[in-house]
Protein backbone atom coordinates (compact mmCIF):
# COMPACT_ATOMS: atom_id res chain seq x y z
CA GLY A 1 14.44 -0.05 -6.80
CA GLU A 2 17.24 2.37 -7.90
CA ASP A 3 15.68 2.78 -11.41
CA VAL A 4 12.59 3.65 -9.99
CA GLN A 5 14.09 5.69 -7.20
CA ALA A 6 15.93 7.68 -9.55
CA ALA A 7 12.89 8.46 -11.46
CA ILE A 8 11.11 9.77 -8.18
CA ALA A 9 13.62 11.95 -7.58
CA GLY A 10 13.96 13.87 -10.38
CA GLU A 11 10.08 13.99 -10.73
CA PRO A 12 8.67 17.61 -10.04
CA PRO A 13 5.80 18.10 -7.10
CA GLY A 14 2.55 17.21 -9.20
CA GLY A 15 4.30 15.07 -11.25
CA SER A 16 3.97 11.33 -12.43
CA VAL A 17 6.25 8.36 -13.01
CA VAL A 18 4.75 5.71 -15.08
CA LEU A 19 6.52 2.37 -14.76
CA LEU A 20 6.14 0.08 -18.00
CA PRO A 21 5.19 -3.39 -18.10
CA GLY A 22 7.69 -5.92 -15.95
CA ARG A 23 9.16 -6.35 -13.24
CA HIS A 24 10.88 -3.36 -11.21
CA ARG A 25 12.82 -3.99 -8.16
CA GLY A 26 11.58 -2.11 -4.76
CA PRO A 27 11.70 -1.07 -2.43
CA VAL A 28 10.56 2.20 -3.35
CA VAL A 29 10.35 4.66 -1.16
CA LEU A 30 7.97 7.72 -2.50
CA ASP A 31 9.48 11.16 -0.63
CA ARG A 32 8.12 13.29 -3.14
CA PRO A 33 4.20 14.79 -3.90
CA VAL A 34 4.38 12.14 -7.02
CA THR A 35 2.19 10.09 -8.38
CA LEU A 36 3.68 6.49 -8.40
CA ALA A 37 1.99 4.76 -11.62
CA GLY A 38 2.10 1.92 -13.37
CA GLN A 39 1.11 0.64 -17.40
CA GLU A 40 -0.48 -2.81 -17.23
CA GLY A 41 1.54 -5.53 -16.39
CA ALA A 42 3.77 -3.44 -14.59
CA VAL A 43 5.10 -5.05 -11.05
CA ILE A 44 7.09 -3.88 -7.98
CA GLU A 45 8.55 -6.98 -6.41
CA GLY A 46 10.57 -6.17 -2.89
CA PRO A 47 13.03 -8.06 -1.04
CA GLY A 48 11.12 -10.24 0.84
CA HIS A 49 12.06 -8.08 3.91
CA GLY A 50 10.50 -4.73 4.82
CA SER A 51 7.46 -2.43 2.78
CA VAL A 52 7.53 -2.82 -0.91
CA VAL A 53 6.54 1.25 -1.38
CA THR A 54 6.56 3.28 1.99
CA VAL A 55 5.14 7.19 0.81
CA THR A 56 6.45 9.67 3.15
CA ALA A 57 5.46 12.50 1.41
CA ALA A 58 1.93 14.33 1.85
CA GLY A 59 -0.24 14.08 -1.30
CA ALA A 60 1.83 11.56 -2.83
CA ALA A 61 -0.05 8.67 -4.66
CA VAL A 62 0.22 5.09 -5.70
CA ARG A 63 -1.82 3.95 -8.77
CA GLY A 64 -2.18 0.96 -11.29
CA LEU A 65 0.46 -0.78 -9.73
CA THR A 66 0.99 -5.25 -8.90
CA LEU A 67 3.10 -5.04 -5.64
CA ARG A 68 4.33 -8.23 -4.15
CA GLY A 69 7.68 -9.08 -1.95
CA SER A 70 6.88 -7.44 1.36
CA GLY A 71 8.85 -9.24 4.58
CA SER A 72 7.36 -11.14 6.92
CA ASP A 73 7.61 -8.72 10.33
CA LEU A 74 4.17 -7.60 11.81
CA GLN A 75 6.30 -5.33 14.04
CA THR A 76 7.42 -3.13 11.43
CA MET A 77 4.83 -3.45 9.67
CA ASP A 78 5.48 -4.91 6.28
CA SER A 79 3.54 -3.85 3.99
CA ALA A 80 2.72 -3.83 0.08
CA VAL A 81 2.38 -0.07 0.85
CA LEU A 82 2.87 1.95 4.19
CA LEU A 83 1.71 4.92 4.85
CA ARG A 84 4.00 6.89 7.16
CA GLN A 85 1.87 9.65 9.42
CA SER A 86 3.70 12.54 7.05
CA ALA A 87 1.72 11.00 4.06
CA LYS A 88 -1.34 13.07 4.88
CA GLY A 89 -4.03 12.85 2.30
CA ALA A 90 -1.91 9.67 0.39
CA ARG A 91 -3.79 8.08 -2.48
CA VAL A 92 -3.53 4.22 -2.73
CA GLU A 93 -5.66 3.79 -5.67
CA GLY A 94 -6.49 0.69 -8.35
CA ASN A 95 -3.69 -1.49 -7.58
CA ARG A 96 -3.06 -5.07 -7.22
CA PHE A 97 -0.87 -6.89 -4.33
CA GLU A 98 -0.09 -10.36 -3.62
CA GLY A 99 0.77 -12.17 -0.90
CA ASN A 100 2.61 -9.58 1.29
CA LEU A 101 2.13 -9.26 4.96
CA PHE A 102 -0.39 -6.36 4.58
CA GLY A 103 -1.84 -5.08 1.71
CA VAL A 104 -1.89 -0.92 3.04
CA TYR A 105 -1.14 -0.01 6.62
CA ILE A 106 -1.96 3.89 7.08
CA HIS A 107 0.47 4.42 10.04
CA GLY A 108 -0.86 8.06 11.46
CA ALA A 109 -1.43 9.58 7.43
CA ASP A 110 -4.64 11.59 8.16
CA GLY A 111 -7.08 11.77 5.38
CA ALA A 112 -5.18 8.98 3.07
CA VAL A 113 -7.57 7.27 0.41
CA VAL A 114 -7.24 3.36 -0.01
CA ARG A 115 -9.68 3.24 -3.13
CA GLY A 116 -10.26 0.17 -5.57
CA ASN A 117 -7.12 -2.23 -4.65
CA VAL A 118 -7.55 -6.06 -4.84
CA ILE A 119 -5.81 -7.23 -2.12
CA THR A 120 -4.96 -10.67 -1.54
CA GLY A 121 -3.31 -11.80 1.36
CA ARG A 122 -1.55 -15.08 2.57
CA ALA A 123 -3.40 -17.78 2.71
CA GLY A 124 -2.13 -21.36 4.63
CA GLY A 125 0.47 -21.37 8.08
CA ARG A 126 -0.32 -19.81 10.74
CA LEU A 127 -2.96 -17.27 11.45
CA ALA A 128 -1.04 -15.30 13.65
CA GLU A 129 1.25 -14.96 11.47
CA HIS A 130 -0.89 -12.99 8.70
CA GLY A 131 -1.71 -9.25 8.24
CA ASP A 132 -4.67 -7.80 7.26
CA GLY A 133 -5.79 -6.54 4.25
CA ILE A 134 -5.98 -2.75 5.56
CA ALA A 135 -4.57 -1.62 8.61
CA LEU A 136 -5.30 1.85 10.25
CA TRP A 137 -3.76 3.52 13.01
CA ASN A 138 -4.40 7.10 14.46
CA ALA A 139 -5.08 7.95 11.08
CA PRO A 140 -8.39 10.15 11.18
CA GLY A 141 -10.09 11.13 7.64
CA ALA A 142 -9.14 8.23 6.24
CA ARG A 143 -11.35 6.33 3.22
CA VAL A 144 -11.47 2.51 2.82
CA GLU A 145 -13.64 2.18 -0.24
CA ASP A 146 -14.23 -0.35 -3.15
CA ASN A 147 -11.64 -2.98 -2.21
CA ASP A 148 -11.52 -5.99 -2.90
CA ILE A 149 -9.75 -8.02 -0.54
CA ARG A 150 -8.88 -11.96 0.37
CA PHE A 151 -7.15 -13.99 2.66
CA GLY A 152 -5.09 -12.74 5.84
CA ARG A 153 -6.20 -12.32 9.14
CA ASP A 154 -8.41 -9.18 9.20
CA GLY A 155 -10.12 -7.15 6.05
CA ILE A 156 -10.05 -3.86 7.87
CA PHE A 157 -8.17 -3.71 11.07
CA ALA A 158 -8.51 -0.04 12.33
CA ARG A 159 -6.96 1.18 15.86
CA VAL A 160 -7.41 4.61 17.59
CA SER A 161 -8.70 5.73 14.47
CA ARG A 162 -11.74 8.14 14.43
CA ASN A 163 -13.82 10.12 11.41
CA ASN A 164 -13.31 6.81 9.31
CA VAL A 165 -15.14 6.08 5.79
CA PHE A 166 -15.61 2.33 5.12
CA ALA A 167 -17.51 1.80 2.07
CA GLY A 168 -18.40 -0.78 -0.44
CA ASN A 169 -15.31 -3.10 0.36
CA ARG A 170 -15.71 -6.74 -0.06
CA PHE A 171 -14.02 -9.59 2.13
CA ARG A 172 -13.38 -12.68 1.34
CA GLU A 173 -11.90 -16.11 3.66
CA LEU A 174 -10.40 -14.02 6.17
């Protein structure tokens, strides 16, 4: 995580950090309005607790990465990508999420876009211990489009959220 975090810290607003193929250690906090992207085969692996990537910056983006290794705590919303309230307009596009508790949790980020991701949750075990593919809480104007979601509790779970668009998502084995 330190190498990725250092690269994010050094990137000017609007810039991109592109990870090379191979494994990169998480967790990572995307606290600047930059794009965190990956070449084919770039993986960020979390330590098995907390979220793999937490986005706090408005306008930040996570693209083209494989993310795995979130924690298992429903209370702390352990996710592949956790969008905090401050991450207005953040974009999560074209990623692969494998075996995380939640794929993407939009926790109050207005206008967030989650598009074209392949989210494979957890199979087996007790359903009560599974998270959702994509969860939204109080995220007005969020768009969730063209995602492929498999395993887990619910494909998309929305609570106290309005003016959202859900379109073209595919669900299996939920």
